[in-house]
N, C-alpha and C. Protein backbone atom coordinates (compact mmCIF):
# COMPACT_ATOMS: atom_id res chain seq x y z
N MET A 1 182.98 15.80 59.96
CA MET A 1 184.01 15.86 60.58
C MET A 1 185.18 16.76 59.98
N ASP A 2 185.64 17.90 60.57
CA ASP A 2 186.71 18.71 59.83
C ASP A 2 187.95 17.84 59.46
N THR A 3 188.38 17.96 58.39
CA THR A 3 189.63 17.18 57.96
C THR A 3 190.82 17.96 57.67
N GLU A 4 190.70 19.43 57.78
CA GLU A 4 191.74 20.07 57.47
C GLU A 4 191.87 21.32 58.85
N PRO A 5 193.11 21.59 58.80
CA PRO A 5 193.28 22.61 59.78
C PRO A 5 192.64 23.90 59.39
N ILE A 6 192.38 24.67 60.53
CA ILE A 6 191.60 26.00 60.49
C ILE A 6 192.39 27.17 61.12
N ALA A 7 192.98 28.09 59.87
CA ALA A 7 193.75 29.08 60.63
C ALA A 7 192.82 30.23 61.35
N LEU A 8 192.80 30.67 62.45
CA LEU A 8 191.67 31.42 63.02
C LEU A 8 191.90 32.68 62.53
N ALA A 9 193.09 33.23 62.24
CA ALA A 9 193.12 34.58 61.79
C ALA A 9 192.49 34.69 60.34
N GLN A 10 192.59 33.52 59.40
CA GLN A 10 192.11 33.54 58.26
C GLN A 10 190.40 33.30 58.46
N ALA A 11 189.82 32.81 59.36
CA ALA A 11 188.51 32.48 59.55
C ALA A 11 188.03 34.08 60.16
N LEU A 12 188.69 34.66 60.79
CA LEU A 12 188.21 36.03 61.43
C LEU A 12 188.28 36.90 60.37
N ALA A 13 189.10 36.70 59.39
CA ALA A 13 189.42 37.73 58.11
C ALA A 13 188.11 37.69 57.04
N SER A 14 187.57 36.41 57.32
CA SER A 14 186.55 36.03 56.30
C SER A 14 185.07 36.49 56.40
N PHE A 15 184.90 37.35 57.40
CA PHE A 15 183.63 38.11 57.68
C PHE A 15 183.91 39.39 58.67
N GLU A 16 182.91 40.12 58.24
CA GLU A 16 182.74 41.40 59.20
C GLU A 16 181.98 41.59 60.24
N ALA A 17 181.01 40.96 60.18
CA ALA A 17 179.83 41.13 61.21
C ALA A 17 180.06 40.89 62.54
N LEU A 18 179.74 41.66 63.35
CA LEU A 18 180.16 41.60 64.93
C LEU A 18 178.76 40.79 65.49
N TRP A 19 179.24 40.29 66.65
CA TRP A 19 178.35 39.55 67.57
C TRP A 19 177.62 38.43 66.43
N SER A 20 178.39 37.89 65.55
CA SER A 20 177.61 36.95 64.67
C SER A 20 178.79 35.72 64.59
N PRO A 21 178.45 34.55 65.54
CA PRO A 21 179.63 33.70 65.58
C PRO A 21 179.61 32.93 64.19
N ARG A 22 180.98 32.27 63.86
CA ARG A 22 181.10 31.52 62.87
C ARG A 22 181.50 30.22 63.51
N VAL A 23 181.06 29.02 63.09
CA VAL A 23 181.51 27.77 63.41
C VAL A 23 182.77 27.31 62.79
N VAL A 24 183.94 27.29 63.47
CA VAL A 24 185.02 26.77 62.81
C VAL A 24 185.52 25.27 62.94
N ALA A 25 184.91 24.77 64.00
CA ALA A 25 185.16 23.24 64.16
C ALA A 25 183.99 22.61 65.12
N HIS A 26 183.97 21.26 65.01
CA HIS A 26 183.10 20.59 66.01
C HIS A 26 184.04 19.51 66.71
N VAL A 27 183.51 19.53 68.15
CA VAL A 27 184.31 18.38 68.80
C VAL A 27 183.24 17.75 69.63
N ASN A 28 182.88 16.44 69.22
CA ASN A 28 181.82 15.84 70.04
C ASN A 28 180.52 16.54 69.40
N ASP A 29 179.71 16.97 70.49
CA ASP A 29 178.54 17.46 70.28
C ASP A 29 178.76 19.03 70.56
N TYR A 30 179.79 19.52 70.34
CA TYR A 30 180.05 20.87 70.79
C TYR A 30 180.53 21.56 69.48
N ASP A 31 180.20 23.03 69.46
CA ASP A 31 180.73 23.63 68.37
C ASP A 31 181.93 24.71 68.84
N VAL A 32 182.87 24.86 68.23
CA VAL A 32 183.96 26.02 68.39
C VAL A 32 183.73 27.01 67.50
N ARG A 33 183.52 28.20 68.05
CA ARG A 33 182.93 29.17 67.33
C ARG A 33 183.83 30.40 67.55
N VAL A 34 184.00 31.35 66.62
CA VAL A 34 184.89 32.65 66.49
C VAL A 34 183.85 33.67 66.09
N ALA A 35 184.26 34.95 66.75
CA ALA A 35 183.21 35.85 66.66
C ALA A 35 184.03 37.46 66.73
N LYS A 36 183.74 38.44 65.99
CA LYS A 36 184.27 39.78 66.20
C LYS A 36 182.99 40.36 67.05
N VAL A 37 183.59 41.02 68.00
CA VAL A 37 182.87 41.74 69.06
C VAL A 37 183.08 43.33 69.25
N GLU A 38 182.21 44.06 69.39
CA GLU A 38 182.51 45.54 69.60
C GLU A 38 181.15 46.11 70.47
N GLY A 39 181.21 46.91 71.25
CA GLY A 39 180.37 47.38 72.06
C GLY A 39 179.65 46.38 73.01
N GLU A 40 178.35 46.45 73.29
CA GLU A 40 177.62 45.59 74.22
C GLU A 40 176.75 44.38 73.56
N HIS A 41 176.82 43.49 74.29
CA HIS A 41 175.91 42.42 73.64
C HIS A 41 174.66 42.49 74.54
N VAL A 42 173.87 41.48 74.71
CA VAL A 42 172.64 41.74 75.62
C VAL A 42 172.51 40.60 76.76
N TRP A 43 172.05 41.21 78.11
CA TRP A 43 171.91 40.41 79.22
C TRP A 43 171.02 39.24 78.84
N HIS A 44 172.06 37.84 79.09
CA HIS A 44 171.28 36.68 78.70
C HIS A 44 171.71 35.75 79.87
N VAL A 45 171.14 34.70 79.65
CA VAL A 45 171.30 33.28 80.43
C VAL A 45 171.23 32.01 79.74
N HIS A 46 172.08 31.19 79.74
CA HIS A 46 172.26 29.76 79.27
C HIS A 46 171.96 28.66 80.44
N ASP A 47 170.61 28.33 80.18
CA ASP A 47 170.21 27.45 81.47
C ASP A 47 170.82 26.00 81.63
N HIS A 48 171.15 25.63 80.64
CA HIS A 48 171.64 24.32 80.72
C HIS A 48 173.23 24.01 80.25
N THR A 49 173.77 25.03 80.00
CA THR A 49 175.01 24.77 79.54
C THR A 49 176.09 25.93 80.37
N ASP A 50 177.46 25.90 80.60
CA ASP A 50 178.42 26.83 80.96
C ASP A 50 178.83 27.35 79.44
N GLU A 51 179.35 28.43 79.43
CA GLU A 51 179.83 29.09 78.26
C GLU A 51 181.54 29.61 78.48
N PHE A 52 182.09 28.95 77.57
CA PHE A 52 183.70 29.14 77.61
C PHE A 52 184.08 30.24 76.52
N PHE A 53 184.73 31.07 77.15
CA PHE A 53 185.48 32.39 76.22
C PHE A 53 186.95 32.20 76.13
N LEU A 54 187.51 32.40 75.10
CA LEU A 54 188.82 32.55 74.79
C LEU A 54 189.15 33.95 74.10
N VAL A 55 189.90 34.70 74.56
CA VAL A 55 189.94 36.25 73.96
C VAL A 55 191.29 36.01 73.01
N LEU A 56 191.23 36.19 71.67
CA LEU A 56 192.01 35.90 70.63
C LEU A 56 192.91 37.06 70.32
N ASP A 57 191.94 38.43 70.54
CA ASP A 57 192.47 39.73 70.39
C ASP A 57 191.82 40.56 70.98
N GLY A 58 192.46 41.81 71.67
CA GLY A 58 191.46 42.87 72.33
C GLY A 58 191.39 42.54 73.60
N GLU A 59 190.33 43.01 74.05
CA GLU A 59 189.94 42.89 75.56
C GLU A 59 188.40 42.51 75.53
N LEU A 60 187.99 41.49 76.20
CA LEU A 60 186.64 41.24 76.46
C LEU A 60 186.15 41.61 77.97
N ARG A 61 185.15 42.00 78.21
CA ARG A 61 184.58 42.13 79.67
C ARG A 61 183.33 41.42 79.63
N ILE A 62 183.09 40.76 80.76
CA ILE A 62 181.96 39.89 80.80
C ILE A 62 181.41 40.44 82.28
N SER A 63 180.13 41.06 82.16
CA SER A 63 179.46 41.56 83.22
C SER A 63 178.53 40.27 83.98
N LEU A 64 178.37 39.88 85.10
CA LEU A 64 177.76 38.80 85.79
C LEU A 64 176.86 39.40 86.92
N ARG A 65 175.70 38.90 86.87
CA ARG A 65 174.95 39.15 87.85
C ARG A 65 174.72 37.68 88.82
N GLU A 66 175.51 37.94 90.03
CA GLU A 66 175.29 36.86 90.83
C GLU A 66 174.79 36.89 92.07
N ALA A 67 174.62 35.77 92.84
CA ALA A 67 173.92 35.86 94.09
C ALA A 67 174.40 37.39 95.12
N GLY A 68 175.76 37.54 95.13
CA GLY A 68 176.32 38.52 95.78
C GLY A 68 176.32 39.71 95.16
N GLY A 69 175.51 39.91 94.01
CA GLY A 69 175.57 41.21 93.46
C GLY A 69 176.25 41.11 91.89
N GLU A 70 176.47 42.35 91.42
CA GLU A 70 176.84 42.41 89.92
C GLU A 70 178.36 42.67 89.97
N ARG A 71 179.20 41.78 89.12
CA ARG A 71 180.38 42.20 88.84
C ARG A 71 181.00 42.02 87.59
N THR A 72 182.20 42.53 87.05
CA THR A 72 182.69 42.40 85.80
C THR A 72 184.03 42.02 85.83
N VAL A 73 184.10 40.80 84.97
CA VAL A 73 185.51 40.17 84.68
C VAL A 73 186.29 40.79 83.37
N VAL A 74 187.61 41.15 83.58
CA VAL A 74 188.04 41.75 82.28
C VAL A 74 189.07 40.58 81.84
N LEU A 75 188.75 40.35 80.59
CA LEU A 75 189.89 39.23 79.94
C LEU A 75 190.63 39.88 78.74
N PRO A 76 192.02 40.19 79.05
CA PRO A 76 192.86 40.73 77.93
C PRO A 76 193.01 39.44 77.12
N LYS A 77 193.79 39.83 76.03
CA LYS A 77 194.31 38.82 74.83
C LYS A 77 195.07 37.54 75.59
N GLY A 78 194.23 36.27 75.03
CA GLY A 78 194.98 35.14 75.62
C GLY A 78 194.32 34.66 77.01
N SER A 79 193.20 35.21 77.40
CA SER A 79 192.82 34.91 78.75
C SER A 79 191.31 34.09 78.22
N VAL A 80 190.96 33.22 79.27
CA VAL A 80 189.92 32.34 79.09
C VAL A 80 188.91 32.48 80.68
N PHE A 81 187.51 32.35 80.36
CA PHE A 81 186.84 32.41 81.29
C PHE A 81 185.56 31.55 80.91
N THR A 82 185.16 30.86 81.89
CA THR A 82 183.75 29.98 81.84
C THR A 82 182.73 30.93 82.60
N VAL A 83 181.49 31.13 81.94
CA VAL A 83 180.43 31.46 82.65
C VAL A 83 179.66 30.31 83.07
N PRO A 84 179.40 30.10 84.20
CA PRO A 84 178.57 29.04 84.70
C PRO A 84 177.11 29.05 84.25
N ARG A 85 176.53 27.66 84.00
CA ARG A 85 175.34 27.74 83.52
C ARG A 85 174.43 28.56 84.49
N GLY A 86 173.37 29.19 84.01
CA GLY A 86 172.38 29.73 84.76
C GLY A 86 172.79 31.06 85.37
N THR A 87 173.80 31.68 84.99
CA THR A 87 174.58 32.90 85.44
C THR A 87 174.11 33.90 84.38
N GLU A 88 173.34 35.03 84.56
CA GLU A 88 172.90 35.96 83.83
C GLU A 88 174.24 36.66 83.51
N HIS A 89 174.56 37.05 82.23
CA HIS A 89 175.85 37.88 81.88
C HIS A 89 175.65 38.38 80.58
N ARG A 90 176.50 39.45 80.43
CA ARG A 90 176.58 40.40 79.34
C ARG A 90 178.12 40.54 78.77
N PRO A 91 178.30 40.06 77.79
CA PRO A 91 179.84 40.33 77.22
C PRO A 91 180.02 41.64 76.57
N SER A 92 180.85 42.34 76.55
CA SER A 92 181.04 43.69 76.00
C SER A 92 182.46 43.92 75.71
N ALA A 93 182.77 44.65 74.64
CA ALA A 93 184.14 44.93 74.20
C ALA A 93 184.17 46.36 73.62
N PRO A 94 184.31 47.34 74.41
CA PRO A 94 184.36 48.80 74.26
C PRO A 94 185.22 49.09 73.00
N SER A 95 186.36 48.55 72.84
CA SER A 95 187.43 48.83 71.68
C SER A 95 187.33 47.61 70.92
N GLY A 96 186.56 46.63 70.96
CA GLY A 96 186.60 45.59 69.90
C GLY A 96 187.40 44.35 70.49
N ALA A 97 187.00 43.24 70.01
CA ALA A 97 187.81 42.09 70.34
C ALA A 97 187.60 41.02 69.23
N ALA A 98 188.34 39.65 69.32
CA ALA A 98 188.08 38.71 68.61
C ALA A 98 188.12 37.59 69.67
N ILE A 99 186.87 36.61 69.68
CA ILE A 99 186.93 35.67 70.77
C ILE A 99 186.56 34.47 70.14
N LEU A 100 186.88 33.36 70.95
CA LEU A 100 186.41 31.78 70.54
C LEU A 100 185.66 31.35 71.74
N MET A 101 184.54 30.69 71.37
CA MET A 101 183.60 30.11 72.25
C MET A 101 183.65 28.59 71.94
N PHE A 102 183.33 27.83 73.07
CA PHE A 102 183.03 26.69 72.93
C PHE A 102 181.78 26.32 73.84
N GLU A 103 180.70 25.56 72.95
CA GLU A 103 179.51 25.31 73.52
C GLU A 103 178.84 24.37 72.83
N PRO A 104 177.67 23.59 73.54
CA PRO A 104 177.08 22.72 72.66
C PRO A 104 176.39 23.12 71.46
N THR A 105 176.33 22.38 70.44
CA THR A 105 175.82 22.73 69.18
C THR A 105 174.35 22.81 69.28
N GLY A 106 173.85 23.91 68.64
CA GLY A 106 172.46 24.42 68.86
C GLY A 106 172.44 25.29 69.98
N THR A 107 173.48 25.79 70.60
CA THR A 107 173.23 26.64 71.72
C THR A 107 172.98 28.12 71.09
N LEU A 108 172.08 28.95 71.46
CA LEU A 108 171.70 30.32 70.95
C LEU A 108 172.46 31.13 71.65
N SER A 109 172.94 32.17 70.86
CA SER A 109 173.86 33.19 71.10
C SER A 109 173.37 33.97 72.07
N VAL A 110 172.18 34.17 72.23
CA VAL A 110 171.54 35.22 73.17
C VAL A 110 170.81 34.38 74.22
N GLY A 111 171.14 33.11 74.59
CA GLY A 111 170.70 32.24 75.63
C GLY A 111 169.35 31.81 75.66
N ASP A 112 168.78 31.05 76.72
CA ASP A 112 167.68 30.70 76.87
C ASP A 112 166.54 31.54 77.24
N ARG A 113 167.07 32.83 78.02
CA ARG A 113 166.39 33.73 78.30
C ARG A 113 167.27 35.10 78.29
N HIS A 114 166.55 36.29 77.86
CA HIS A 114 167.33 37.37 77.41
C HIS A 114 166.71 38.44 77.55
N GLU A 115 167.26 39.72 77.40
CA GLU A 115 166.43 41.13 77.38
C GLU A 115 166.26 41.08 75.89
N GLU A 116 165.42 42.18 75.43
CA GLU A 116 165.27 42.55 74.11
C GLU A 116 166.59 42.34 73.30
N VAL A 117 166.65 41.90 72.28
CA VAL A 117 167.89 41.74 71.15
C VAL A 117 167.98 42.95 70.42
N PRO A 118 168.92 43.63 70.71
CA PRO A 118 169.27 44.74 69.84
C PRO A 118 169.67 44.57 68.46
N GLY A 119 169.46 45.38 67.56
CA GLY A 119 169.77 45.14 65.96
C GLY A 119 171.16 44.88 65.75
N HIS A 120 171.96 44.99 66.48
CA HIS A 120 173.45 44.70 66.29
C HIS A 120 174.02 43.48 66.94
N VAL A 121 173.16 42.74 67.45
CA VAL A 121 173.35 41.35 67.97
C VAL A 121 172.65 40.48 67.24
N ASP A 122 173.62 39.33 66.72
CA ASP A 122 172.77 38.14 65.70
C ASP A 122 172.27 37.21 66.68
N ALA A 123 171.12 36.89 66.80
CA ALA A 123 170.64 35.71 67.53
C ALA A 123 170.68 34.68 66.74
N THR A 124 171.67 33.85 66.96
CA THR A 124 171.87 32.60 66.10
C THR A 124 172.61 31.36 66.90
N THR A 125 172.42 30.24 66.26
CA THR A 125 173.04 29.24 66.83
C THR A 125 174.49 29.02 66.23
N GLY A 126 174.98 30.00 65.50
CA GLY A 126 176.37 29.91 64.72
C GLY A 126 176.05 29.79 63.26
N HIS A 127 176.89 30.54 62.48
CA HIS A 127 176.85 30.26 61.17
C HIS A 127 178.06 29.61 60.52
N ALA A 128 177.78 29.01 59.26
CA ALA A 128 178.93 28.05 58.70
C ALA A 128 179.89 29.11 58.36
N LEU A 129 181.20 28.63 58.56
CA LEU A 129 182.34 29.51 58.16
C LEU A 129 182.41 29.81 56.59
N GLY A 130 182.34 31.03 56.30
CA GLY A 130 181.95 31.50 54.73
C GLY A 130 180.74 31.77 54.39
N GLY A 131 179.79 31.58 55.48
CA GLY A 131 178.46 31.85 55.21
C GLY A 131 177.97 33.12 55.91
């Protein structure tokens, strides 16, 4: 259990890697992760869980492939959005962003099903802060 407050600005300043989330806290069986992002992630699906995003800085775009077609939601700083389980999606941040995600511990950053993972995307269940 985390016993000290975590300053998100300091947590984000402690690493440079893009699309490589760090676990900053745990809530029951969930991780709270922060990440720096820029460019495009990979199209992927989480079959068994929703994925929650909070934009801490910059702007995040999330493209969604839904029954009615493809659409993109734009999330400015301070916005939240939840991608429903089973929805194919691809986050992107053309100008860079810092985000917080809330998802079950052990959830892979590239989902249960995904396109080929490009070299700039870290396929991980989250790294320890400082790791």
